[in-house]
Amino acid sequence: MANKCDVCGKGNATGMQVSHSHIRTKKTWAPNLQTVKTTIKGTPKTLKVCTRCLRSGKVQRAN
């Protein structure tokens, strides 16, 4: 399963990790995803949501 936010689509970012001696190796940064139970159109669903979407109120947790 992809490491992607179901609301905004934020996913893994890739780049280079550069050491002090300038040796470069590939590195990935993963988003902080949380599994959240929400209600969408009256039906409960489980979504993978990044913490930025949770904090900004784009997703409401189910009770």
N, C-alpha and C. Protein backbone atom coordinates (compact mmCIF):
# COMPACT_ATOMS: atom_id res chain seq x y z
N MET A 1 0.84 -1.18 0.00
CA MET A 1 0.00 0.00 0.00
C MET A 1 0.89 1.24 0.00
N ALA A 2 0.46 2.24 -0.71
CA ALA A 2 1.28 3.44 -0.86
C ALA A 2 1.30 4.24 0.44
N ASN A 3 2.43 4.91 0.66
CA ASN A 3 2.61 5.76 1.83
C ASN A 3 2.14 7.16 1.46
N LYS A 4 0.81 7.35 1.37
CA LYS A 4 0.25 8.58 0.85
C LYS A 4 -0.96 9.01 1.67
N CYS A 5 -1.10 10.32 1.87
CA CYS A 5 -2.25 10.86 2.59
C CYS A 5 -3.49 10.75 1.70
N ASP A 6 -4.61 10.28 2.27
CA ASP A 6 -5.84 10.11 1.50
C ASP A 6 -6.54 11.45 1.24
N VAL A 7 -6.18 12.51 1.96
CA VAL A 7 -6.85 13.80 1.80
C VAL A 7 -6.09 14.70 0.83
N CYS A 8 -4.82 14.97 1.10
CA CYS A 8 -4.06 15.92 0.29
C CYS A 8 -3.12 15.25 -0.70
N GLY A 9 -2.87 13.95 -0.56
CA GLY A 9 -2.01 13.25 -1.50
C GLY A 9 -0.53 13.37 -1.21
N LYS A 10 -0.18 13.88 -0.02
CA LYS A 10 1.24 14.00 0.33
C LYS A 10 1.86 12.61 0.44
N GLY A 11 3.02 12.42 -0.19
CA GLY A 11 3.68 11.11 -0.20
C GLY A 11 5.15 11.22 0.14
N ASN A 12 5.89 10.17 -0.17
CA ASN A 12 7.31 10.15 0.09
C ASN A 12 8.03 11.19 -0.75
N ALA A 13 9.06 11.80 -0.15
CA ALA A 13 9.93 12.72 -0.87
C ALA A 13 11.32 12.09 -0.94
N THR A 14 11.99 12.25 -2.07
CA THR A 14 13.31 11.67 -2.23
C THR A 14 14.34 12.77 -2.42
N GLY A 15 15.57 12.43 -2.09
CA GLY A 15 16.65 13.39 -2.25
C GLY A 15 17.97 12.73 -1.91
N MET A 16 18.97 13.55 -1.69
CA MET A 16 20.30 13.05 -1.37
C MET A 16 20.69 13.46 0.05
N GLN A 17 21.25 12.51 0.78
CA GLN A 17 21.82 12.80 2.09
C GLN A 17 23.30 13.07 1.85
N VAL A 18 23.78 14.24 2.26
CA VAL A 18 25.16 14.64 1.97
C VAL A 18 25.94 14.67 3.27
N SER A 19 27.02 13.90 3.32
CA SER A 19 27.85 13.85 4.52
C SER A 19 28.83 15.03 4.54
N HIS A 20 29.60 15.11 5.60
CA HIS A 20 30.57 16.19 5.74
C HIS A 20 31.64 16.12 4.64
N SER A 21 32.00 14.90 4.24
CA SER A 21 32.99 14.73 3.17
C SER A 21 32.34 14.74 1.79
N HIS A 22 31.07 15.11 1.72
CA HIS A 22 30.29 15.26 0.50
C HIS A 22 30.04 13.95 -0.22
N ILE A 23 29.97 12.84 0.54
CA ILE A 23 29.54 11.58 -0.03
C ILE A 23 28.02 11.59 -0.05
N ARG A 24 27.44 11.34 -1.23
CA ARG A 24 25.99 11.47 -1.38
C ARG A 24 25.35 10.09 -1.48
N THR A 25 24.30 9.87 -0.69
CA THR A 25 23.53 8.64 -0.74
C THR A 25 22.05 9.00 -0.84
N LYS A 26 21.27 8.11 -1.45
CA LYS A 26 19.84 8.38 -1.62
C LYS A 26 19.11 8.25 -0.28
N LYS A 27 18.13 9.13 -0.08
CA LYS A 27 17.37 9.14 1.16
C LYS A 27 15.91 9.43 0.83
N THR A 28 14.99 8.87 1.63
CA THR A 28 13.57 9.18 1.47
C THR A 28 13.03 9.74 2.78
N TRP A 29 12.12 10.68 2.65
CA TRP A 29 11.42 11.25 3.80
C TRP A 29 9.96 10.84 3.70
N ALA A 30 9.45 10.24 4.76
CA ALA A 30 8.06 9.77 4.76
C ALA A 30 7.18 10.77 5.51
N PRO A 31 5.94 10.98 5.07
CA PRO A 31 5.03 11.86 5.80
C PRO A 31 4.56 11.19 7.08
N ASN A 32 4.19 12.00 8.06
CA ASN A 32 3.70 11.49 9.34
C ASN A 32 2.22 11.15 9.17
N LEU A 33 1.94 9.89 8.85
CA LEU A 33 0.57 9.45 8.59
C LEU A 33 -0.03 8.81 9.83
N GLN A 34 -1.28 9.10 10.07
CA GLN A 34 -2.03 8.53 11.19
C GLN A 34 -3.27 7.84 10.61
N THR A 35 -3.63 6.70 11.17
CA THR A 35 -4.85 6.01 10.78
C THR A 35 -5.99 6.58 11.60
N VAL A 36 -6.99 7.12 10.92
CA VAL A 36 -8.07 7.87 11.57
C VAL A 36 -9.41 7.31 11.13
N LYS A 37 -10.33 7.11 12.08
CA LYS A 37 -11.71 6.72 11.75
C LYS A 37 -12.52 7.99 11.58
N THR A 38 -13.14 8.14 10.39
CA THR A 38 -13.97 9.31 10.10
C THR A 38 -15.31 8.84 9.56
N THR A 39 -16.24 9.77 9.47
CA THR A 39 -17.52 9.47 8.83
C THR A 39 -17.61 10.30 7.55
N ILE A 40 -17.80 9.61 6.42
CA ILE A 40 -17.93 10.26 5.13
C ILE A 40 -19.30 9.89 4.56
N LYS A 41 -20.16 10.91 4.38
CA LYS A 41 -21.53 10.73 3.92
C LYS A 41 -22.30 9.74 4.78
N GLY A 42 -22.06 9.81 6.09
CA GLY A 42 -22.80 8.97 7.04
C GLY A 42 -22.24 7.58 7.26
N THR A 43 -21.22 7.18 6.51
CA THR A 43 -20.64 5.84 6.68
C THR A 43 -19.26 5.97 7.31
N PRO A 44 -18.96 5.15 8.32
CA PRO A 44 -17.63 5.22 8.94
C PRO A 44 -16.56 4.62 8.02
N LYS A 45 -15.44 5.31 7.93
CA LYS A 45 -14.32 4.86 7.11
C LYS A 45 -13.02 5.06 7.87
N THR A 46 -12.02 4.25 7.52
CA THR A 46 -10.68 4.40 8.07
C THR A 46 -9.78 4.97 6.98
N LEU A 47 -9.14 6.10 7.29
CA LEU A 47 -8.28 6.77 6.32
C LEU A 47 -6.88 6.92 6.89
N LYS A 48 -5.89 6.98 5.97
CA LYS A 48 -4.53 7.35 6.35
C LYS A 48 -4.39 8.84 6.06
N VAL A 49 -4.18 9.63 7.10
CA VAL A 49 -4.19 11.08 6.98
C VAL A 49 -2.91 11.64 7.57
N CYS A 50 -2.31 12.62 6.91
CA CYS A 50 -1.10 13.26 7.47
C CYS A 50 -1.52 14.19 8.61
N THR A 51 -0.57 14.47 9.48
CA THR A 51 -0.88 15.27 10.67
C THR A 51 -1.20 16.72 10.32
N ARG A 52 -0.72 17.20 9.19
CA ARG A 52 -1.05 18.56 8.78
C ARG A 52 -2.53 18.68 8.46
N CYS A 53 -3.11 17.67 7.79
CA CYS A 53 -4.54 17.68 7.48
C CYS A 53 -5.37 17.54 8.76
N LEU A 54 -4.90 16.74 9.70
CA LEU A 54 -5.61 16.60 10.97
C LEU A 54 -5.61 17.91 11.74
N ARG A 55 -4.45 18.56 11.80
CA ARG A 55 -4.31 19.78 12.58
C ARG A 55 -5.08 20.93 11.97
N SER A 56 -5.17 20.99 10.63
CA SER A 56 -5.84 22.10 9.98
C SER A 56 -7.35 21.91 9.92
N GLY A 57 -7.84 20.72 10.31
CA GLY A 57 -9.27 20.50 10.37
C GLY A 57 -9.89 20.03 9.08
N LYS A 58 -9.09 19.52 8.15
CA LYS A 58 -9.63 19.00 6.90
C LYS A 58 -10.37 17.68 7.11
N VAL A 59 -10.03 16.99 8.21
CA VAL A 59 -10.65 15.71 8.53
C VAL A 59 -11.18 15.78 9.95
N GLN A 60 -12.39 15.30 10.15
CA GLN A 60 -12.99 15.27 11.49
C GLN A 60 -13.01 13.82 11.97
N ARG A 61 -12.49 13.58 13.17
CA ARG A 61 -12.48 12.22 13.73
C ARG A 61 -13.89 11.80 14.09
N ALA A 62 -14.17 10.51 13.93
CA ALA A 62 -15.48 9.98 14.31
C ALA A 62 -15.50 9.72 15.81
N ASN A 63 -16.67 9.83 16.41
CA ASN A 63 -16.80 9.60 17.85
C ASN A 63 -17.02 8.15 18.17
